[in-house]
Amino acid sequence: MKVSYYILYSYSGHGLKSSRETIALSMNVKSFLENLIQIPAGAIKMRDDRTNTVWTERIETFQLGRYPVTRLLYAEIMERQTPAKSEQYHPVQNVSWLEAASFCNRMSSLFDMPKYYTFDPDGGDAVSSGERVGFRLPSEAEWEFACRAGTLGPRFGNLEDIAWYERNSGGGTRPVGLLKPNNWGLHDMLGNVWEWCDDVYDPSVYGQYRVFRGGGWADQPRGCLATNRRRSHPTFAIDDLGFRIAVSA
């Protein structure tokens, strides 16, 4: 991995913090670390319209990326070709759940943190450690709690102000962070790209299928709601699906 900047960071067991121990980081990784948002503890009522069930999830404090993972950060961590300059700060897309989990493990290795995901020998699936250490995808309860940021409606603001969707996206992703954030400073939680979550959707019916949330650039307004739940196989990848990552605080 090419590195070009030195900054002091370490893992404390309760999230990332400054340290006397020096790790060589690129400016892009440094920017990512500086844009981890502390999400407070709380609780959220979840619902599944397919099964007509409602449940409450308790949320522990965690940190979540201010933005979806960009193409530039993804290329650096996964050692892929650097994207064109005009595309570097668009959210990464066409990424499967398995690739997103692999990205999280590589981020953990960079900071000498335990890897959150353990992959099958054939790489066809992965399971979480359950230890809440290492970089990871947010649970869908964490995702929705963070998306709402204390609001109760279907969206945290006026759709045109907060989301790139079919009517304003111009037919593709847009650079992250251009529209208004929610009350906790998170951008692009709705629209631009859907975001993979950690959860298996319903293993008794859908097997390995994983959840993704948030709506994307090609969606109509009804697709960009805090409550929308979609799912697909962990190998699925498409041009309006990306991710952002979390780490427990």
C-alpha atoms as a PDB file:
ATOM      1  CA  MET A   1       0.000   0.000   0.000  1.00  0.00           C
ATOM      2  CA  LYS A   2       1.357   3.403  -0.968  1.00  0.00           C
ATOM      3  CA  VAL A   3       1.707   5.707   2.032  1.00  0.00           C
ATOM      4  CA  SER A   4       2.507   9.374   1.970  1.00  0.00           C
ATOM      5  CA  TYR A   5       1.633  10.870   5.350  1.00  0.00           C
ATOM      6  CA  TYR A   6       2.515  10.164   8.954  1.00  0.00           C
ATOM      7  CA  ILE A   7       0.001  10.637  11.743  1.00  0.00           C
ATOM      8  CA  LEU A   8      -0.342   9.210  15.235  1.00  0.00           C
ATOM      9  CA  TYR A   9      -3.249   6.831  15.726  1.00  0.00           C
ATOM     10  CA  SER A  10      -3.857   3.622  17.614  1.00  0.00           C
ATOM     11  CA  TYR A  11      -6.719   1.415  18.700  1.00  0.00           C
ATOM     12  CA  SER A  12      -7.545   1.866  22.374  1.00  0.00           C
ATOM     13  CA  GLY A  13     -10.133  -0.890  22.781  1.00  0.00           C
ATOM     14  CA  HIS A  14     -12.798   1.807  22.739  1.00  0.00           C
ATOM     15  CA  GLY A  15     -12.310   3.220  19.266  1.00  0.00           C
ATOM     16  CA  LEU A  16      -9.496   5.064  17.518  1.00  0.00           C
ATOM     17  CA  LYS A  17      -7.528   7.770  19.268  1.00  0.00           C
ATOM     18  CA  SER A  18      -4.265   9.665  19.007  1.00  0.00           C
ATOM     19  CA  SER A  19      -1.184   7.850  20.272  1.00  0.00           C
ATOM     20  CA  ARG A  20       2.596   8.076  20.510  1.00  0.00           C
ATOM     21  CA  GLU A  21       2.786   4.988  18.327  1.00  0.00           C
ATOM     22  CA  THR A  22       3.313   6.052  14.719  1.00  0.00           C
ATOM     23  CA  ILE A  23       1.434   4.403  11.851  1.00  0.00           C
ATOM     24  CA  ALA A  24       2.161   5.468   8.272  1.00  0.00           C
ATOM     25  CA  LEU A  25      -1.110   6.518   6.669  1.00  0.00           C
ATOM     26  CA  SER A  26      -2.020   8.142   3.395  1.00  0.00           C
ATOM     27  CA  MET A  27      -3.844  11.453   3.393  1.00  0.00           C
ATOM     28  CA  ASN A  28      -6.940   9.605   2.219  1.00  0.00           C
ATOM     29  CA  VAL A  29      -6.985   7.230   5.199  1.00  0.00           C
ATOM     30  CA  LYS A  30      -6.221  10.131   7.531  1.00  0.00           C
ATOM     31  CA  SER A  31      -9.246  11.985   6.136  1.00  0.00           C
ATOM     32  CA  PHE A  32     -11.417   8.920   6.717  1.00  0.00           C
ATOM     33  CA  LEU A  33     -10.349   8.655  10.360  1.00  0.00           C
ATOM     34  CA  GLU A  34     -11.053  12.324  10.949  1.00  0.00           C
ATOM     35  CA  ASN A  35     -14.552  11.802   9.582  1.00  0.00           C
ATOM     36  CA  LEU A  36     -15.681   9.035  11.910  1.00  0.00           C
ATOM     37  CA  ILE A  37     -18.783  10.315  13.708  1.00  0.00           C
ATOM     38  CA  GLN A  38     -19.546   9.288  17.285  1.00  0.00           C
ATOM     39  CA  ILE A  39     -23.085   7.895  17.420  1.00  0.00           C
ATOM     40  CA  PRO A  40     -24.698   7.960  20.876  1.00  0.00           C
ATOM     41  CA  ALA A  41     -26.306   5.023  22.621  1.00  0.00           C
ATOM     42  CA  GLY A  42     -30.068   4.678  22.378  1.00  0.00           C
ATOM     43  CA  ALA A  43     -32.867   2.459  21.155  1.00  0.00           C
ATOM     44  CA  ILE A  44     -34.851   2.193  17.949  1.00  0.00           C
ATOM     45  CA  LYS A  45     -38.072   0.477  16.968  1.00  0.00           C
ATOM     46  CA  MET A  46     -37.592  -1.579  13.794  1.00  0.00           C
ATOM     47  CA  ARG A  47     -40.183  -3.044  11.478  1.00  0.00           C
ATOM     48  CA  ASP A  48     -40.351  -5.586   8.659  1.00  0.00           C
ATOM     49  CA  ASP A  49     -43.327  -4.984   6.394  1.00  0.00           C
ATOM     50  CA  ARG A  50     -42.871  -8.364   4.680  1.00  0.00           C
ATOM     51  CA  THR A  51     -43.546 -10.287   7.884  1.00  0.00           C
ATOM     52  CA  ASN A  52     -45.523  -7.533   9.623  1.00  0.00           C
ATOM     53  CA  THR A  53     -43.263  -7.650  12.672  1.00  0.00           C
ATOM     54  CA  VAL A  54     -42.011  -4.864  14.941  1.00  0.00           C
ATOM     55  CA  TRP A  55     -39.157  -5.065  17.446  1.00  0.00           C
ATOM     56  CA  THR A  56     -36.896  -2.787  19.482  1.00  0.00           C
ATOM     57  CA  GLU A  57     -33.102  -2.785  19.225  1.00  0.00           C
ATOM     58  CA  ARG A  58     -30.756  -1.313  21.829  1.00  0.00           C
ATOM     59  CA  ILE A  59     -27.863   0.649  20.308  1.00  0.00           C
ATOM     60  CA  GLU A  60     -24.476   0.927  22.014  1.00  0.00           C
ATOM     61  CA  THR A  61     -22.232   3.880  21.267  1.00  0.00           C
ATOM     62  CA  PHE A  62     -20.248   3.392  18.054  1.00  0.00           C
ATOM     63  CA  GLN A  63     -18.482   5.361  15.333  1.00  0.00           C
ATOM     64  CA  LEU A  64     -19.722   5.564  11.746  1.00  0.00           C
ATOM     65  CA  GLY A  65     -18.190   7.078   8.630  1.00  0.00           C
ATOM     66  CA  ARG A  66     -19.450  10.552   7.826  1.00  0.00           C
ATOM     67  CA  TYR A  67     -19.581   9.471   4.172  1.00  0.00           C
ATOM     68  CA  PRO A  68     -19.917   6.227   2.246  1.00  0.00           C
ATOM     69  CA  VAL A  69     -16.558   4.680   1.380  1.00  0.00           C
ATOM     70  CA  THR A  70     -15.202   6.500  -1.667  1.00  0.00           C
ATOM     71  CA  ARG A  71     -13.703   4.960  -4.772  1.00  0.00           C
ATOM     72  CA  LEU A  72     -10.313   6.393  -3.877  1.00  0.00           C
ATOM     73  CA  LEU A  73     -10.262   4.940  -0.354  1.00  0.00           C
ATOM     74  CA  TYR A  74     -11.531   1.582  -1.604  1.00  0.00           C
ATOM     75  CA  ALA A  75      -8.871   1.437  -4.326  1.00  0.00           C
ATOM     76  CA  GLU A  76      -6.115   2.247  -1.847  1.00  0.00           C
ATOM     77  CA  ILE A  77      -7.124  -0.286   0.804  1.00  0.00           C
ATOM     78  CA  MET A  78      -7.972  -3.051  -1.675  1.00  0.00           C
ATOM     79  CA  GLU A  79      -4.897  -2.290  -3.816  1.00  0.00           C
ATOM     80  CA  ARG A  80      -6.873  -1.574  -6.977  1.00  0.00           C
ATOM     81  CA  GLN A  81      -6.163   0.866  -9.784  1.00  0.00           C
ATOM     82  CA  THR A  82      -6.565   4.491  -8.714  1.00  0.00           C
ATOM     83  CA  PRO A  83      -9.805   5.888 -10.182  1.00  0.00           C
ATOM     84  CA  ALA A  84      -9.877   8.896 -12.463  1.00  0.00           C
ATOM     85  CA  LYS A  85      -9.521  12.166 -10.571  1.00  0.00           C
ATOM     86  CA  SER A  86     -13.090  13.179 -11.432  1.00  0.00           C
ATOM     87  CA  GLU A  87     -14.436   9.983  -9.823  1.00  0.00           C
ATOM     88  CA  GLN A  88     -12.249   9.634  -6.739  1.00  0.00           C
ATOM     89  CA  TYR A  89     -14.729  11.057  -4.253  1.00  0.00           C
ATOM     90  CA  HIS A  90     -17.793   9.329  -5.605  1.00  0.00           C
ATOM     91  CA  PRO A  91     -19.010   6.469  -3.392  1.00  0.00           C
ATOM     92  CA  VAL A  92     -17.620   3.130  -4.429  1.00  0.00           C
ATOM     93  CA  GLN A  93     -20.232   1.015  -6.231  1.00  0.00           C
ATOM     94  CA  ASN A  94     -20.561  -2.473  -7.699  1.00  0.00           C
ATOM     95  CA  VAL A  95     -19.199  -3.871  -4.428  1.00  0.00           C
ATOM     96  CA  SER A  96     -20.568  -7.104  -2.988  1.00  0.00           C
ATOM     97  CA  TRP A  97     -21.171  -7.676   0.714  1.00  0.00           C
ATOM     98  CA  LEU A  98     -18.185 -10.045   0.750  1.00  0.00           C
ATOM     99  CA  GLU A  99     -15.948  -7.381  -0.765  1.00  0.00           C
ATOM    100  CA  ALA A 100     -17.192  -4.823   1.756  1.00  0.00           C
ATOM    101  CA  ALA A 101     -16.428  -7.244   4.616  1.00  0.00           C
ATOM    102  CA  SER A 102     -12.959  -7.868   3.171  1.00  0.00           C
ATOM    103  CA  PHE A 103     -12.376  -4.104   3.059  1.00  0.00           C
ATOM    104  CA  CYS A 104     -13.306  -3.900   6.759  1.00  0.00           C
ATOM    105  CA  ASN A 105     -10.825  -6.650   7.613  1.00  0.00           C
ATOM    106  CA  ARG A 106      -8.063  -4.877   5.697  1.00  0.00           C
ATOM    107  CA  MET A 107      -8.794  -1.663   7.583  1.00  0.00           C
ATOM    108  CA  SER A 108      -8.573  -3.586  10.852  1.00  0.00           C
ATOM    109  CA  SER A 109      -5.221  -5.078   9.834  1.00  0.00           C
ATOM    110  CA  LEU A 110      -3.904  -1.604   9.045  1.00  0.00           C
ATOM    111  CA  PHE A 111      -4.425  -0.661  12.708  1.00  0.00           C
ATOM    112  CA  ASP A 112      -3.410  -4.029  14.148  1.00  0.00           C
ATOM    113  CA  MET A 113      -6.992  -4.609  15.313  1.00  0.00           C
ATOM    114  CA  PRO A 114      -8.719  -8.005  15.394  1.00  0.00           C
ATOM    115  CA  LYS A 115     -10.506  -8.799  12.138  1.00  0.00           C
ATOM    116  CA  TYR A 116     -14.249  -8.637  12.616  1.00  0.00           C
ATOM    117  CA  TYR A 117     -15.081 -11.115   9.833  1.00  0.00           C
ATOM    118  CA  THR A 118     -13.989 -14.717   9.411  1.00  0.00           C
ATOM    119  CA  PHE A 119     -14.317 -15.991   5.861  1.00  0.00           C
ATOM    120  CA  ASP A 120     -15.184 -19.515   4.794  1.00  0.00           C
ATOM    121  CA  PRO A 121     -12.244 -21.397   3.239  1.00  0.00           C
ATOM    122  CA  ASP A 122     -13.829 -20.982  -0.209  1.00  0.00           C
ATOM    123  CA  GLY A 123     -14.550 -17.288   0.398  1.00  0.00           C
ATOM    124  CA  GLY A 124     -18.243 -17.789  -0.290  1.00  0.00           C
ATOM    125  CA  ASP A 125     -19.460 -16.339   2.997  1.00  0.00           C
ATOM    126  CA  ALA A 126     -18.206 -14.765   6.205  1.00  0.00           C
ATOM    127  CA  VAL A 127     -19.388 -14.530   9.790  1.00  0.00           C
ATOM    128  CA  SER A 128     -18.844 -11.805  12.348  1.00  0.00           C
ATOM    129  CA  SER A 129     -16.713 -12.382  15.403  1.00  0.00           C
ATOM    130  CA  GLY A 130     -19.391 -11.079  17.761  1.00  0.00           C
ATOM    131  CA  GLU A 131     -16.658  -9.356  19.774  1.00  0.00           C
ATOM    132  CA  ARG A 132     -17.456  -5.802  18.562  1.00  0.00           C
ATOM    133  CA  VAL A 133     -13.802  -5.104  17.766  1.00  0.00           C
ATOM    134  CA  GLY A 134     -12.349  -4.189  14.398  1.00  0.00           C
ATOM    135  CA  PHE A 135     -13.858  -2.280  11.522  1.00  0.00           C
ATOM    136  CA  ARG A 136     -17.173  -3.636  10.341  1.00  0.00           C
ATOM    137  CA  LEU A 137     -20.391  -2.888   8.544  1.00  0.00           C
ATOM    138  CA  PRO A 138     -23.056  -1.344  10.777  1.00  0.00           C
ATOM    139  CA  SER A 139     -25.978  -3.466  11.827  1.00  0.00           C
ATOM    140  CA  GLU A 140     -29.154  -2.345  10.130  1.00  0.00           C
ATOM    141  CA  ALA A 141     -30.485  -1.123  13.492  1.00  0.00           C
ATOM    142  CA  GLU A 142     -27.343   0.978  13.918  1.00  0.00           C
ATOM    143  CA  TRP A 143     -27.706   2.210  10.352  1.00  0.00           C
ATOM    144  CA  GLU A 144     -31.326   3.314  10.772  1.00  0.00           C
ATOM    145  CA  PHE A 145     -30.668   4.836  14.196  1.00  0.00           C
ATOM    146  CA  ALA A 146     -27.774   6.843  12.724  1.00  0.00           C
ATOM    147  CA  CYS A 147     -29.777   7.781   9.627  1.00  0.00           C
ATOM    148  CA  ARG A 148     -32.668   9.150  11.667  1.00  0.00           C
ATOM    149  CA  ALA A 149     -30.364  11.073  14.027  1.00  0.00           C
ATOM    150  CA  GLY A 150     -33.176  11.664  16.494  1.00  0.00           C
ATOM    151  CA  THR A 151     -35.890  12.374  13.922  1.00  0.00           C
ATOM    152  CA  LEU A 152     -39.090  10.349  13.673  1.00  0.00           C
ATOM    153  CA  GLY A 153     -40.290  10.841  10.085  1.00  0.00           C
ATOM    154  CA  PRO A 154     -39.542   8.743   6.986  1.00  0.00           C
ATOM    155  CA  ARG A 155     -36.614  11.069   6.157  1.00  0.00           C
ATOM    156  CA  PHE A 156     -34.404  13.396   8.193  1.00  0.00           C
ATOM    157  CA  GLY A 157     -35.002  16.313   5.810  1.00  0.00           C
ATOM    158  CA  ASN A 158     -36.361  17.450   2.472  1.00  0.00           C
ATOM    159  CA  LEU A 159     -35.384  14.851  -0.137  1.00  0.00           C
ATOM    160  CA  GLU A 160     -33.957  17.363  -2.642  1.00  0.00           C
ATOM    161  CA  ASP A 161     -31.683  18.778   0.059  1.00  0.00           C
ATOM    162  CA  ILE A 162     -30.288  15.501   1.399  1.00  0.00           C
ATOM    163  CA  ALA A 163     -30.291  12.826  -1.322  1.00  0.00           C
ATOM    164  CA  TRP A 164     -29.199  12.123  -4.882  1.00  0.00           C
ATOM    165  CA  TYR A 165     -32.014  10.119  -6.488  1.00  0.00           C
ATOM    166  CA  GLU A 166     -33.549   9.652  -9.947  1.00  0.00           C
ATOM    167  CA  ARG A 167     -34.778  13.242 -10.308  1.00  0.00           C
ATOM    168  CA  ASN A 168     -31.540  15.054  -9.442  1.00  0.00           C
ATOM    169  CA  SER A 169     -28.643  12.580  -9.760  1.00  0.00           C
ATOM    170  CA  GLY A 170     -28.077  12.996 -13.494  1.00  0.00           C
ATOM    171  CA  GLY A 171     -28.077   9.239 -13.991  1.00  0.00           C
ATOM    172  CA  GLY A 172     -25.227   8.197 -11.717  1.00  0.00           C
ATOM    173  CA  THR A 173     -23.438   8.633  -8.412  1.00  0.00           C
ATOM    174  CA  ARG A 174     -22.309  12.056  -7.237  1.00  0.00           C
ATOM    175  CA  PRO A 175     -19.345  13.010  -5.024  1.00  0.00           C
ATOM    176  CA  VAL A 176     -20.020  12.400  -1.341  1.00  0.00           C
ATOM    177  CA  GLY A 177     -20.823  15.233   1.040  1.00  0.00           C
ATOM    178  CA  LEU A 178     -22.336  17.735  -1.405  1.00  0.00           C
ATOM    179  CA  LEU A 179     -25.827  17.746   0.091  1.00  0.00           C
ATOM    180  CA  LYS A 180     -26.998  18.553   3.605  1.00  0.00           C
ATOM    181  CA  PRO A 181     -26.087  16.122   6.420  1.00  0.00           C
ATOM    182  CA  ASN A 182     -28.445  14.885   9.085  1.00  0.00           C
ATOM    183  CA  ASN A 183     -28.434  16.221  12.643  1.00  0.00           C
ATOM    184  CA  TRP A 184     -25.371  14.111  13.541  1.00  0.00           C
ATOM    185  CA  GLY A 185     -23.294  15.235  10.570  1.00  0.00           C
ATOM    186  CA  LEU A 186     -23.744  12.138   8.385  1.00  0.00           C
ATOM    187  CA  HIS A 187     -23.985  12.743   4.629  1.00  0.00           C
ATOM    188  CA  ASP A 188     -25.628  10.640   1.912  1.00  0.00           C
ATOM    189  CA  MET A 189     -27.466   8.332   4.295  1.00  0.00           C
ATOM    190  CA  LEU A 190     -30.320   8.432   1.787  1.00  0.00           C
ATOM    191  CA  GLY A 191     -29.722   8.316  -1.946  1.00  0.00           C
ATOM    192  CA  ASN A 192     -26.485   8.172  -3.960  1.00  0.00           C
ATOM    193  CA  VAL A 193     -25.848   4.473  -3.176  1.00  0.00           C
ATOM    194  CA  TRP A 194     -27.591   1.844  -1.115  1.00  0.00           C
ATOM    195  CA  GLU A 195     -25.403   0.662   1.772  1.00  0.00           C
ATOM    196  CA  TRP A 196     -24.669  -2.879   2.864  1.00  0.00           C
ATOM    197  CA  CYS A 197     -25.346  -3.710   6.526  1.00  0.00           C
ATOM    198  CA  ASP A 198     -23.928  -6.539   8.600  1.00  0.00           C
ATOM    199  CA  ASP A 199     -27.175  -8.451   9.069  1.00  0.00           C
ATOM    200  CA  VAL A 200     -28.415 -11.654   7.485  1.00  0.00           C
ATOM    201  CA  TYR A 201     -31.959 -10.803   6.364  1.00  0.00           C
ATOM    202  CA  ASP A 202     -33.966 -13.964   7.121  1.00  0.00           C
ATOM    203  CA  PRO A 203     -31.898 -17.163   6.944  1.00  0.00           C
ATOM    204  CA  SER A 204     -34.907 -19.461   7.207  1.00  0.00           C
ATOM    205  CA  VAL A 205     -36.286 -18.042   3.944  1.00  0.00           C
ATOM    206  CA  TYR A 206     -33.404 -16.325   2.114  1.00  0.00           C
ATOM    207  CA  GLY A 207     -30.341 -18.205   3.347  1.00  0.00           C
ATOM    208  CA  GLN A 208     -27.202 -16.039   3.193  1.00  0.00           C
ATOM    209  CA  TYR A 209     -28.939 -12.908   1.917  1.00  0.00           C
ATOM    210  CA  ARG A 210     -27.701  -9.686   3.559  1.00  0.00           C
ATOM    211  CA  VAL A 211     -29.498  -6.401   4.186  1.00  0.00           C
ATOM    212  CA  PHE A 212     -28.842  -3.091   2.461  1.00  0.00           C
ATOM    213  CA  ARG A 213     -30.437   0.254   3.259  1.00  0.00           C
ATOM    214  CA  GLY A 214     -30.871   3.864   2.171  1.00  0.00           C
ATOM    215  CA  GLY A 215     -31.839   4.148  -1.497  1.00  0.00           C
ATOM    216  CA  GLY A 216     -29.658   5.046  -4.464  1.00  0.00           C
ATOM    217  CA  TRP A 217     -29.212   7.448  -7.362  1.00  0.00           C
ATOM    218  CA  ALA A 218     -31.658   5.548  -9.600  1.00  0.00           C
ATOM    219  CA  ASP A 219     -34.493   5.330  -7.063  1.00  0.00           C
ATOM    220  CA  GLN A 220     -37.782   7.165  -6.997  1.00  0.00           C
ATOM    221  CA  PRO A 221     -38.612   9.106  -3.811  1.00  0.00           C
ATOM    222  CA  ARG A 222     -40.316   6.096  -2.234  1.00  0.00           C
ATOM    223  CA  GLY A 223     -37.011   4.230  -2.439  1.00  0.00           C
ATOM    224  CA  CYS A 224     -35.189   6.775  -0.270  1.00  0.00           C
ATOM    225  CA  LEU A 225     -36.713   6.209   3.155  1.00  0.00           C
ATOM    226  CA  ALA A 226     -35.064   5.536   6.507  1.00  0.00           C
ATOM    227  CA  THR A 227     -37.211   2.421   6.937  1.00  0.00           C
ATOM    228  CA  ASN A 228     -36.637   0.702   3.575  1.00  0.00           C
ATOM    229  CA  ARG A 229     -35.107  -2.772   3.844  1.00  0.00           C
ATOM    230  CA  ARG A 230     -33.732  -4.642   0.852  1.00  0.00           C
ATOM    231  CA  ARG A 231     -31.642  -7.778   0.635  1.00  0.00           C
ATOM    232  CA  SER A 232     -29.560  -9.855  -1.738  1.00  0.00           C
ATOM    233  CA  HIS A 233     -26.937 -12.565  -1.884  1.00  0.00           C
ATOM    234  CA  PRO A 234     -23.539 -11.557  -0.422  1.00  0.00           C
ATOM    235  CA  THR A 235     -21.984 -11.891  -3.894  1.00  0.00           C
ATOM    236  CA  PHE A 236     -24.470  -9.438  -5.426  1.00  0.00           C
ATOM    237  CA  ALA A 237     -23.031  -6.186  -6.802  1.00  0.00           C
ATOM    238  CA  ILE A 238     -24.698  -3.396  -8.786  1.00  0.00           C
ATOM    239  CA  ASP A 239     -24.043   0.197  -9.781  1.00  0.00           C
ATOM    240  CA  ASP A 240     -26.134   1.812  -7.035  1.00  0.00           C
ATOM    241  CA  LEU A 241     -24.885  -0.258  -4.101  1.00  0.00           C
ATOM    242  CA  GLY A 242     -21.939   0.634  -1.842  1.00  0.00           C
ATOM    243  CA  PHE A 243     -21.257   0.791   1.905  1.00  0.00           C
ATOM    244  CA  ARG A 244     -19.900   2.795   4.833  1.00  0.00           C
ATOM    245  CA  ILE A 245     -18.083   1.310   7.791  1.00  0.00           C
ATOM    246  CA  ALA A 246     -18.349   1.404  11.547  1.00  0.00           C
ATOM    247  CA  VAL A 247     -16.205   0.653  14.566  1.00  0.00           C
ATOM    248  CA  SER A 248     -17.401   0.182  18.129  1.00  0.00           C
ATOM    249  CA  ALA A 249     -16.548   3.027  20.498  1.00  0.00           C
END
